[in-house]
Amino acid sequence: MAQKQDKNKFEEQIQQKLSVISEMGIDPYGGRYDGSEPAGDIKSRFKDGDDSQRAKCAGRIVLLRDIGKLIFMTLRDSSGTIQIGLSKKLMEKQWPLAKLFELGDIIGAEGQLGKTKTGEITIWTEDVTLLGKSLCQPPEKFHGLADIDLRYRQRYVDLWANPEVMERFKKRSAIISSIRDFLKQRGFLEVETPMMQTVAGGAAARPFVTHHNSLDLDLFLRIAPELFLKRLLVGGMEKVFEINRNFRNEGLSRWHNPEFTMLELYQAYADYNVMMDLTEELISQLVEKHCDTQKLEFDGKAIDFTRPWRRVAYAELLKEYSGCDIDDMNALRKRARELDLDEKDMDDVVVINEVFENTVEGNLVVPTFVIDYPAALCPLTKLKKSDPKYAERFELYAGKMELANAYTELNDPAVQEENFKIQLRGQEESMATMDEDFVMALKYGMPPAGGLGIGIDRLIMILTCAASIRDVVLFPLLKPVK
């Protein structure tokens, strides 16, 4: 009740100040403000003892100390913070406006650059401009927005109230730029493929459905760009990549958001070994460039990205952590029951994978390439010639999370068509259909290729030591507040 009264009192005070500002003939929401310099740049160029330096900066007031005829404020912009000093003696005409400023207001300040007695670099303001009046009460004492749910819902407050959040998202942007640079330097062409598709394909997941009114056509938000990117291989684009959104109508968790960012790439005349080398080199470079050390703390565990990374067969890991041989279905079904899995109506390969997920994945902390998956799990993948029970596929795990998935791509149209038919059996009542145009594309001839998908959000979770996927997605999906 007291909080509500405080809020109402604050809002009354703000409205009173807003009226006074308007009566002064000042637009409380400002306008164009030229010549402003980032706070970080101003502090970097400051030379102690040089009285000729001047500065002009714009930002949000995050600290304010009014000591009568002198007001000290800290402005925060995207580059950091800087202190400004407002003196009644220096700016007598604007002093009435200065006394109306509140935490959260956005202002511009210009004046001589110097230091206080305590050594704080300060703009001694001669001219101040109100650029945006804040009408909402800022986080208490400006120690940051602490409520986790509120931080996600009000990211626009979280970014300026919690500097480490701003830094994380700046780092995300820099990491994605580095990924692009890495691939372009190796001859990959960045492309864009449809996000609305007539067939939900490229991965096994439940899609979101939408409807195009003019065509009276149901469409699916894509669950993966795979089949369109492979069409580009058919067309002669030998190295392609896309960084964009996928949509899967599935659950929410600290590792899952229904809308997520993926890097997907394909390279003609390559295989999953080439993709493994590429993945290890890419992520190692990202760690080296954007992290302080090769050993990162994530989810209470140390992850050492020092190369080379372990490469180990799916069946070997299954034996190591479940105690069961991959060909011993009696033992695997017994193990599934011990894990409280209802295995009665599951196909053998599903039982194998359920046991794998429940016994192996939680042990994969350091970067580990899990290679050679059971063929039945991989309808888009070439089989190993030395043992066709297995497919030339790997998944990269780190921090107990899957980060990447890669194949030696299947390019035999007859085998692909048969695999699609097998995959669709028993799904007559679902939305799944065969992408016949993709099969047609393969009939024109697709070069042998390696393909790779990396979950950008999860990768950034690890590289920024974030506890949840919501911490690295600017606007994660949340249940509406009632």
Protein backbone atom coordinates (compact mmCIF):
# COMPACT_ATOMS: atom_id res chain seq x y z
CA MET A 1 0.00 0.00 0.00
CA ALA A 2 2.87 2.36 0.90
CA GLN A 3 4.52 1.65 -2.47
CA LYS A 4 1.32 2.57 -4.30
CA GLN A 5 1.03 5.84 -2.34
CA ASP A 6 4.69 6.66 -3.10
CA LYS A 7 4.06 5.99 -6.77
CA ASN A 8 0.97 8.21 -6.83
CA LYS A 9 2.87 11.00 -5.04
CA PHE A 10 5.76 10.70 -7.53
CA GLU A 11 3.38 10.87 -10.50
CA GLU A 12 1.72 13.99 -9.06
CA GLN A 13 5.12 15.66 -8.64
CA ILE A 14 6.15 14.77 -12.18
CA GLN A 15 2.93 16.16 -13.64
CA GLN A 16 3.46 19.39 -11.71
CA LYS A 17 7.01 19.70 -13.05
CA LEU A 18 5.80 18.89 -16.56
CA SER A 19 3.31 21.76 -16.33
CA VAL A 20 6.00 24.16 -15.14
CA ILE A 21 8.32 23.12 -18.00
CA SER A 22 5.53 23.69 -20.54
CA GLU A 23 4.76 27.12 -19.00
CA MET A 24 8.46 27.98 -19.49
CA GLY A 25 7.95 27.42 -23.23
CA ILE A 26 10.20 24.36 -23.28
CA ASP A 27 9.30 21.20 -25.19
CA PRO A 28 9.75 18.41 -22.60
CA TYR A 29 10.44 15.91 -25.39
CA GLY A 30 13.17 17.84 -27.18
CA GLY A 31 14.31 17.27 -30.72
CA ARG A 32 17.41 16.97 -32.84
CA TYR A 33 20.61 17.39 -30.85
CA ASP A 34 23.71 17.68 -33.02
CA GLY A 35 27.34 17.33 -32.04
CA SER A 36 26.91 15.00 -29.11
CA GLU A 37 29.87 12.73 -28.35
CA PRO A 38 29.71 9.32 -26.61
CA ALA A 39 30.55 9.51 -22.91
CA GLY A 40 33.20 6.82 -23.27
CA ASP A 41 34.98 8.76 -26.02
CA ILE A 42 34.96 11.97 -23.99
CA LYS A 43 36.57 10.26 -21.02
CA SER A 44 39.12 8.50 -23.24
CA ARG A 45 40.32 11.73 -24.89
CA PHE A 46 40.48 13.76 -21.67
CA LYS A 47 43.93 15.21 -20.93
CA ASP A 48 44.58 16.18 -17.34
CA GLY A 49 45.67 19.80 -16.95
CA ASP A 50 44.38 21.01 -20.34
CA ASP A 51 41.82 23.74 -19.56
CA SER A 52 40.87 24.24 -23.22
CA GLN A 53 38.92 21.00 -23.55
CA ARG A 54 35.18 21.09 -24.18
CA ALA A 55 32.54 18.39 -24.49
CA LYS A 56 28.95 17.87 -25.49
CA CYS A 57 27.09 14.75 -24.41
CA ALA A 58 23.53 13.41 -24.31
CA GLY A 59 22.20 10.67 -22.07
CA ARG A 60 19.89 9.62 -19.27
CA ILE A 61 20.27 10.89 -15.71
CA VAL A 62 21.09 7.86 -13.55
CA LEU A 63 22.46 9.67 -10.48
CA LEU A 64 21.55 13.11 -9.17
CA ARG A 65 22.90 15.08 -6.20
CA ASP A 66 21.34 18.51 -5.64
CA ILE A 67 23.40 20.46 -3.09
CA GLY A 68 21.78 23.87 -3.47
CA LYS A 69 23.67 26.05 -5.91
CA LEU A 70 25.45 23.04 -7.38
CA ILE A 71 23.97 19.92 -8.97
CA PHE A 72 25.98 16.85 -9.93
CA MET A 73 24.46 14.35 -12.34
CA THR A 74 25.69 11.17 -13.94
CA LEU A 75 24.58 10.71 -17.54
CA ARG A 76 24.51 7.26 -19.08
CA ASP A 77 24.55 6.57 -22.81
CA SER A 78 25.31 3.36 -24.70
CA SER A 79 29.06 3.87 -24.25
CA GLY A 80 29.06 4.35 -20.47
CA THR A 81 28.66 7.21 -18.00
CA ILE A 82 30.03 10.69 -17.43
CA GLN A 83 29.47 13.23 -14.68
CA ILE A 84 28.11 16.68 -15.43
CA GLY A 85 28.25 19.60 -13.04
CA LEU A 86 25.59 22.32 -13.09
CA SER A 87 26.38 25.55 -11.27
CA LYS A 88 23.88 28.37 -10.71
CA LYS A 89 26.72 30.82 -11.32
CA LEU A 90 27.56 29.35 -14.75
CA MET A 91 24.00 28.93 -16.03
CA GLU A 92 21.74 31.35 -14.16
CA LYS A 93 19.17 31.63 -16.98
CA GLN A 94 18.70 27.84 -17.20
CA TRP A 95 18.91 27.21 -13.48
CA PRO A 96 15.10 27.00 -12.98
CA LEU A 97 15.01 24.24 -15.63
CA ALA A 98 17.96 22.41 -14.08
CA LYS A 99 16.17 22.30 -10.73
CA LEU A 100 13.27 20.45 -12.39
CA PHE A 101 15.35 17.52 -13.64
CA GLU A 102 14.66 14.06 -12.21
CA LEU A 103 16.28 10.65 -12.35
CA GLY A 104 15.44 9.06 -15.69
CA ASP A 105 15.25 12.30 -17.68
CA ILE A 106 17.19 12.44 -20.93
CA ILE A 107 19.22 15.63 -21.34
CA GLY A 108 22.03 17.14 -23.36
CA ALA A 109 24.87 19.06 -21.72
CA GLU A 110 27.69 21.19 -23.16
CA GLY A 111 30.58 22.91 -21.45
CA GLN A 112 34.19 22.84 -20.35
CA LEU A 113 35.76 19.51 -19.53
CA GLY A 114 37.65 19.16 -16.29
CA LYS A 115 38.05 17.22 -13.07
CA THR A 116 36.54 17.58 -9.63
CA LYS A 117 38.64 17.60 -6.45
CA THR A 118 37.90 13.87 -6.13
CA GLY A 119 39.33 13.21 -9.63
CA GLU A 120 36.02 12.69 -11.44
CA ILE A 121 36.04 13.74 -15.13
CA THR A 122 33.20 16.24 -15.39
CA ILE A 123 31.48 18.43 -17.99
CA TRP A 124 31.03 21.81 -16.27
CA THR A 125 27.80 22.62 -18.03
CA GLU A 126 27.15 25.99 -19.63
CA ASP A 127 24.16 24.93 -21.71
CA VAL A 128 21.65 22.18 -20.94
CA THR A 129 18.79 20.83 -23.08
CA LEU A 130 15.85 18.68 -21.99
CA LEU A 131 15.54 15.93 -24.60
CA GLY A 132 13.04 13.55 -23.03
CA LYS A 133 11.09 13.83 -19.76
CA SER A 134 10.67 10.57 -17.87
CA LEU A 135 7.22 10.18 -16.36
CA CYS A 136 7.83 6.85 -14.61
CA GLN A 137 9.54 6.23 -11.30
CA PRO A 138 12.97 4.70 -11.95
CA PRO A 139 14.22 1.56 -10.15
CA GLU A 140 14.69 2.31 -6.46
CA LYS A 141 17.93 4.16 -5.63
CA PHE A 142 18.97 3.34 -9.18
CA HIS A 143 20.80 0.23 -8.09
CA GLY A 144 19.27 -1.52 -11.06
CA LEU A 145 16.09 -3.30 -11.98
CA ALA A 146 16.24 -6.40 -9.79
CA ASP A 147 12.93 -8.21 -10.46
CA ILE A 148 13.86 -10.83 -13.08
CA ASP A 149 10.41 -11.07 -14.68
CA LEU A 150 10.08 -7.27 -14.79
CA ARG A 151 13.53 -7.01 -16.36
CA TYR A 152 12.42 -9.24 -19.26
CA ARG A 153 9.09 -7.42 -19.66
CA GLN A 154 10.64 -3.97 -19.45
CA ARG A 155 13.90 -4.49 -21.28
CA TYR A 156 13.81 -0.81 -22.18
CA VAL A 157 14.42 -0.08 -18.46
CA ASP A 158 16.71 -3.06 -17.90
CA LEU A 159 19.17 -1.84 -20.54
CA TRP A 160 19.85 1.53 -18.92
CA ALA A 161 19.30 0.51 -15.30
CA ASN A 162 21.70 -2.45 -15.46
CA PRO A 163 24.90 -1.61 -17.40
CA GLU A 164 25.97 -5.28 -17.55
CA VAL A 165 22.81 -6.03 -19.57
CA MET A 166 23.70 -3.37 -22.13
CA GLU A 167 27.21 -4.83 -22.35
CA ARG A 168 25.86 -8.35 -22.89
CA PHE A 169 23.74 -7.26 -25.84
CA LYS A 170 26.55 -5.19 -27.33
CA LYS A 171 28.69 -8.30 -27.05
CA ARG A 172 25.97 -10.36 -28.75
CA SER A 173 25.98 -7.96 -31.69
CA ALA A 174 29.79 -8.07 -31.89
CA ILE A 175 29.81 -11.89 -31.81
CA ILE A 176 27.32 -12.13 -34.67
CA SER A 177 29.38 -9.64 -36.69
CA SER A 178 32.46 -11.79 -36.07
CA ILE A 179 30.61 -14.89 -37.29
CA ARG A 180 29.69 -13.09 -40.50
CA ASP A 181 33.27 -11.90 -41.01
CA PHE A 182 34.65 -15.41 -40.38
CA LEU A 183 32.36 -16.98 -42.99
CA LYS A 184 32.74 -14.26 -45.61
CA GLN A 185 36.52 -14.52 -45.35
CA ARG A 186 36.11 -18.19 -46.27
CA GLY A 187 34.01 -17.50 -49.33
CA PHE A 188 30.54 -18.04 -47.91
CA LEU A 189 27.69 -15.99 -49.35
CA GLU A 190 25.04 -14.67 -46.95
CA VAL A 191 21.50 -15.27 -48.20
CA GLU A 192 17.91 -14.94 -47.02
CA THR A 193 15.31 -17.66 -47.43
CA PRO A 194 11.55 -17.60 -46.74
CA MET A 195 10.27 -17.46 -43.18
CA MET A 196 6.75 -18.29 -44.35
CA GLN A 197 6.71 -21.67 -46.03
CA THR A 198 4.04 -23.84 -47.61
CA VAL A 199 5.62 -27.00 -46.17
CA ALA A 200 6.94 -27.30 -42.61
CA GLY A 201 10.25 -29.03 -43.25
CA GLY A 202 13.94 -29.22 -42.48
CA ALA A 203 13.54 -30.40 -38.89
CA ALA A 204 11.21 -32.44 -36.70
CA ALA A 205 9.28 -29.83 -34.72
CA ARG A 206 5.77 -28.49 -34.33
CA PRO A 207 5.30 -25.36 -36.45
CA PHE A 208 3.34 -22.16 -35.98
CA VAL A 209 0.55 -21.84 -38.56
CA THR A 210 -0.60 -18.64 -40.21
CA HIS A 211 -2.90 -17.82 -43.14
CA HIS A 212 -2.39 -15.71 -46.25
CA ASN A 213 -5.75 -14.08 -47.01
CA SER A 214 -5.21 -13.11 -50.66
CA LEU A 215 -4.08 -16.61 -51.64
CA ASP A 216 -6.39 -18.30 -49.11
CA LEU A 217 -3.36 -20.37 -48.16
CA ASP A 218 -2.15 -21.80 -44.87
CA LEU A 219 1.53 -21.14 -44.27
CA PHE A 220 4.06 -22.21 -41.64
CA LEU A 221 6.61 -20.06 -39.88
CA ARG A 222 9.78 -21.90 -40.69
CA ILE A 223 11.22 -24.40 -38.26
CA ALA A 224 14.50 -24.49 -40.25
CA PRO A 225 15.87 -22.94 -43.47
CA GLU A 226 17.59 -26.20 -44.47
CA LEU A 227 15.61 -27.27 -47.52
CA PHE A 228 15.75 -23.83 -49.14
CA LEU A 229 19.48 -23.47 -48.53
CA LYS A 230 20.04 -26.86 -50.15
CA ARG A 231 18.06 -25.70 -53.17
CA LEU A 232 20.71 -22.99 -53.50
CA LEU A 233 23.40 -25.69 -53.63
CA VAL A 234 21.47 -27.20 -56.53
CA GLY A 235 21.43 -23.77 -58.15
CA GLY A 236 25.21 -23.47 -57.98
CA MET A 237 25.77 -21.43 -54.81
CA GLU A 238 28.50 -23.62 -53.35
CA LYS A 239 28.95 -21.91 -49.97
CA VAL A 240 25.90 -20.28 -48.39
CA PHE A 241 24.87 -19.23 -44.91
CA GLU A 242 21.96 -17.55 -43.18
CA ILE A 243 21.66 -16.04 -39.71
CA ASN A 244 18.01 -15.61 -38.96
CA ARG A 245 14.96 -16.65 -36.97
CA ASN A 246 13.40 -20.07 -36.65
CA PHE A 247 10.05 -20.69 -34.96
CA ARG A 248 9.03 -23.85 -33.10
CA ASN A 249 5.69 -24.18 -31.36
CA GLU A 250 7.09 -25.96 -28.36
CA GLY A 251 7.81 -25.39 -24.66
CA LEU A 252 9.58 -22.58 -22.85
CA SER A 253 12.58 -23.16 -20.61
CA ARG A 254 15.89 -21.56 -19.69
CA TRP A 255 17.29 -23.19 -22.88
CA HIS A 256 14.28 -22.73 -25.20
CA ASN A 257 12.45 -19.76 -26.68
CA PRO A 258 9.84 -20.44 -29.43
CA GLU A 259 11.51 -17.80 -31.62
CA PHE A 260 15.28 -18.24 -31.79
CA THR A 261 18.29 -17.28 -33.92
CA MET A 262 20.19 -19.88 -35.93
CA LEU A 263 23.26 -19.88 -38.09
CA GLU A 264 22.83 -22.44 -40.84
CA LEU A 265 25.40 -23.01 -43.58
CA TYR A 266 26.17 -25.42 -46.40
CA GLN A 267 29.39 -26.12 -48.28
CA ALA A 268 29.48 -28.11 -51.50
CA TYR A 269 31.99 -30.96 -51.81
CA ALA A 270 32.47 -31.11 -48.04
CA ASP A 271 31.31 -33.54 -45.33
CA TYR A 272 30.66 -33.59 -41.59
CA ASN A 273 34.40 -33.73 -40.85
CA VAL A 274 34.89 -30.43 -42.67
CA MET A 275 31.95 -29.02 -40.70
CA MET A 276 33.55 -30.22 -37.46
CA ASP A 277 36.81 -28.46 -38.25
CA LEU A 278 34.94 -25.31 -39.28
CA THR A 279 32.83 -25.31 -36.09
CA GLU A 280 35.84 -25.76 -33.81
CA GLU A 281 37.79 -23.01 -35.57
CA LEU A 282 34.85 -20.58 -35.57
CA ILE A 283 33.91 -20.96 -31.90
CA SER A 284 37.55 -20.98 -30.80
CA GLN A 285 38.08 -17.66 -32.58
CA LEU A 286 34.95 -16.23 -30.94
CA VAL A 287 36.19 -17.26 -27.49
CA GLU A 288 39.63 -15.78 -28.19
CA LYS A 289 38.21 -12.50 -29.51
CA HIS A 290 35.29 -11.90 -27.17
CA CYS A 291 36.25 -13.62 -23.90
CA ASP A 292 39.10 -12.98 -21.49
CA THR A 293 40.10 -16.62 -21.18
CA GLN A 294 39.69 -20.03 -22.83
CA LYS A 295 38.13 -21.28 -19.59
CA LEU A 296 34.62 -19.91 -19.06
CA GLU A 297 32.37 -20.26 -16.03
CA PHE A 298 28.88 -21.35 -17.04
CA ASP A 299 26.08 -22.67 -14.86
CA GLY A 300 28.52 -23.35 -12.02
CA LYS A 301 30.89 -25.35 -14.22
CA ALA A 302 34.20 -24.50 -15.87
CA ILE A 303 34.21 -24.99 -19.64
CA ASP A 304 37.67 -25.20 -21.19
CA PHE A 305 37.59 -24.32 -24.89
CA THR A 306 41.27 -25.13 -25.42
CA ARG A 307 41.69 -27.12 -28.64
CA PRO A 308 41.51 -29.88 -29.73
CA TRP A 309 37.98 -30.81 -28.61
CA ARG A 310 36.91 -34.36 -27.90
CA ARG A 311 35.29 -36.29 -30.78
CA VAL A 312 33.50 -39.43 -29.66
CA ALA A 313 30.92 -41.80 -31.15
CA TYR A 314 27.29 -41.71 -29.99
CA ALA A 315 27.37 -45.45 -29.21
CA GLU A 316 30.55 -45.07 -27.13
CA LEU A 317 29.03 -42.32 -25.00
CA LEU A 318 25.83 -44.30 -24.58
CA LYS A 319 27.85 -47.24 -23.24
CA GLU A 320 29.98 -44.96 -21.04
CA TYR A 321 27.11 -43.23 -19.25
CA SER A 322 24.11 -45.59 -19.46
CA GLY A 323 26.05 -48.83 -19.12
CA CYS A 324 24.15 -50.26 -22.11
CA ASP A 325 25.38 -51.44 -25.49
CA ILE A 326 23.52 -49.72 -28.35
CA ASP A 327 22.51 -53.10 -29.82
CA ASP A 328 21.16 -54.51 -26.53
CA MET A 329 17.53 -53.37 -26.67
CA ASN A 330 16.49 -55.42 -23.65
CA ALA A 331 19.06 -53.63 -21.51
CA LEU A 332 18.16 -50.26 -23.01
CA ARG A 333 14.44 -50.71 -22.39
CA LYS A 334 15.18 -51.78 -18.83
CA ARG A 335 17.34 -48.68 -18.39
CA ALA A 336 14.53 -46.54 -19.82
CA ARG A 337 12.11 -47.91 -17.21
CA GLU A 338 14.66 -47.16 -14.49
CA LEU A 339 14.65 -43.57 -15.77
CA ASP A 340 10.82 -43.48 -15.48
CA LEU A 341 10.41 -43.41 -19.26
CA ASP A 342 7.30 -45.04 -20.70
CA GLU A 343 9.04 -47.10 -23.38
CA LYS A 344 6.28 -49.60 -24.24
CA ASP A 345 5.02 -47.91 -27.39
CA MET A 346 8.34 -46.36 -28.43
CA ASP A 347 10.30 -47.53 -31.47
CA ASP A 348 13.70 -48.94 -30.60
CA VAL A 349 15.59 -45.92 -31.94
CA VAL A 350 13.42 -43.56 -29.89
CA VAL A 351 14.19 -45.57 -26.75
CA ILE A 352 17.91 -45.40 -27.57
CA ASN A 353 17.77 -41.64 -27.99
CA GLU A 354 15.66 -41.08 -24.86
CA VAL A 355 18.18 -43.04 -22.79
CA PHE A 356 21.01 -41.09 -24.44
CA GLU A 357 19.42 -37.73 -23.64
CA ASN A 358 18.73 -38.72 -20.03
CA THR A 359 22.09 -40.27 -19.23
CA VAL A 360 24.69 -38.69 -21.53
CA GLU A 361 23.82 -35.06 -22.23
CA GLY A 362 24.08 -33.93 -18.61
CA ASN A 363 27.72 -35.06 -18.54
CA LEU A 364 28.89 -33.15 -21.61
CA VAL A 365 30.35 -30.03 -20.02
CA VAL A 366 33.54 -29.38 -22.01
CA PRO A 367 33.14 -29.01 -25.81
CA THR A 368 32.39 -32.48 -27.19
CA PHE A 369 31.55 -33.56 -30.72
CA VAL A 370 29.13 -36.48 -30.54
CA ILE A 371 29.55 -38.23 -33.90
CA ASP A 372 27.91 -41.05 -35.88
CA TYR A 373 24.25 -41.08 -34.83
CA PRO A 374 21.87 -44.01 -35.41
CA ALA A 375 20.74 -43.75 -39.03
CA ALA A 376 17.03 -43.84 -38.17
CA LEU A 377 17.39 -40.51 -36.34
CA CYS A 378 18.80 -38.74 -39.40
CA PRO A 379 16.51 -38.72 -42.46
CA LEU A 380 18.50 -35.98 -44.23
CA THR A 381 21.95 -37.47 -43.66
CA LYS A 382 24.28 -39.75 -45.61
CA LEU A 383 25.05 -43.10 -44.03
CA LYS A 384 28.55 -44.20 -43.11
CA LYS A 385 29.87 -46.48 -45.84
CA SER A 386 31.82 -48.50 -43.29
CA ASP A 387 28.69 -49.12 -41.17
CA PRO A 388 25.30 -48.06 -42.62
CA LYS A 389 23.62 -48.41 -39.21
CA TYR A 390 25.07 -44.99 -38.48
CA ALA A 391 24.78 -41.62 -40.17
CA GLU A 392 27.53 -39.06 -40.75
CA ARG A 393 26.15 -36.58 -38.26
CA PHE A 394 27.54 -34.77 -35.25
CA GLU A 395 26.14 -32.63 -32.49
CA LEU A 396 28.38 -30.32 -30.50
CA TYR A 397 27.71 -30.11 -26.77
CA ALA A 398 29.15 -27.70 -24.20
CA GLY A 399 27.83 -26.75 -20.79
CA LYS A 400 25.41 -29.72 -21.04
CA MET A 401 23.68 -28.00 -23.99
CA GLU A 402 23.52 -28.84 -27.66
CA LEU A 403 25.14 -25.96 -29.54
CA ALA A 404 25.45 -27.29 -33.07
CA ASN A 405 24.15 -29.98 -35.38
CA ALA A 406 25.79 -31.04 -38.65
CA TYR A 407 25.50 -33.65 -41.40
CA THR A 408 27.11 -35.03 -44.45
CA GLU A 409 24.08 -34.11 -46.51
CA LEU A 410 22.02 -36.70 -48.31
CA ASN A 411 21.82 -35.88 -52.03
CA ASP A 412 20.31 -39.08 -53.49
CA PRO A 413 16.71 -38.12 -54.46
CA ALA A 414 15.38 -41.69 -54.34
CA VAL A 415 16.74 -42.32 -50.84
CA GLN A 416 15.57 -38.90 -49.69
CA GLU A 417 12.05 -39.48 -50.97
CA GLU A 418 11.87 -42.87 -49.24
CA ASN A 419 13.18 -41.37 -45.99
CA PHE A 420 10.51 -38.67 -46.14
CA LYS A 421 7.83 -41.34 -46.59
CA ILE A 422 9.15 -43.29 -43.59
CA GLN A 423 9.29 -40.10 -41.53
CA LEU A 424 5.65 -39.30 -42.38
CA ARG A 425 4.21 -42.71 -41.50
CA GLY A 426 1.74 -42.45 -38.66
CA GLN A 427 1.55 -38.66 -39.03
CA GLU A 428 -1.51 -38.59 -41.27
CA GLU A 429 -3.43 -36.47 -38.77
CA SER A 430 -0.58 -33.98 -38.31
CA MET A 431 0.42 -30.99 -40.46
CA ALA A 432 3.49 -32.79 -41.80
CA THR A 433 3.68 -33.24 -45.59
CA MET A 434 6.41 -34.14 -48.03
CA ASP A 435 8.29 -31.31 -49.71
CA GLU A 436 7.96 -32.68 -53.24
CA ASP A 437 9.64 -29.64 -54.77
CA PHE A 438 12.74 -30.32 -52.68
CA VAL A 439 12.84 -33.90 -53.97
CA MET A 440 12.50 -32.46 -57.48
CA ALA A 441 15.43 -30.13 -56.78
CA LEU A 442 17.56 -33.13 -55.77
CA LYS A 443 16.66 -34.84 -59.04
CA TYR A 444 18.34 -31.98 -60.90
CA GLY A 445 21.49 -32.84 -58.96
CA MET A 446 22.82 -31.50 -55.65
CA PRO A 447 26.58 -31.72 -55.06
CA PRO A 448 27.78 -33.71 -52.06
CA ALA A 449 27.92 -31.27 -49.17
CA GLY A 450 28.35 -30.65 -45.49
CA GLY A 451 25.73 -28.71 -43.56
CA LEU A 452 25.88 -27.07 -40.14
CA GLY A 453 23.45 -25.36 -37.78
CA ILE A 454 24.55 -23.43 -34.68
CA GLY A 455 22.12 -22.10 -32.08
CA ILE A 456 23.23 -18.48 -31.75
CA ASP A 457 21.30 -17.78 -28.55
CA ARG A 458 22.76 -20.77 -26.70
CA LEU A 459 26.26 -20.02 -27.95
CA ILE A 460 25.95 -16.47 -26.66
CA MET A 461 24.63 -17.78 -23.34
CA ILE A 462 27.93 -19.59 -22.84
CA LEU A 463 30.17 -16.83 -24.23
CA THR A 464 28.52 -14.26 -21.92
CA CYS A 465 27.99 -16.66 -18.97
CA ALA A 466 24.22 -16.01 -19.02
CA ALA A 467 22.01 -18.27 -16.91
CA SER A 468 18.99 -18.29 -19.24
CA ILE A 469 18.23 -17.87 -22.92
CA ARG A 470 16.00 -14.98 -21.85
CA ASP A 471 19.12 -13.13 -20.75
CA VAL A 472 20.47 -13.06 -24.32
CA VAL A 473 17.21 -12.42 -26.21
CA LEU A 474 16.19 -8.77 -26.09
CA PHE A 475 12.45 -9.49 -25.99
CA PRO A 476 11.81 -13.11 -24.97
CA LEU A 477 8.30 -14.53 -25.20
CA LEU A 478 6.49 -14.23 -21.85
CA LYS A 479 3.05 -15.10 -20.61
CA PRO A 480 0.92 -11.91 -20.59
CA VAL A 481 0.35 -10.26 -17.23
CA LYS A 482 -3.28 -10.60 -16.24
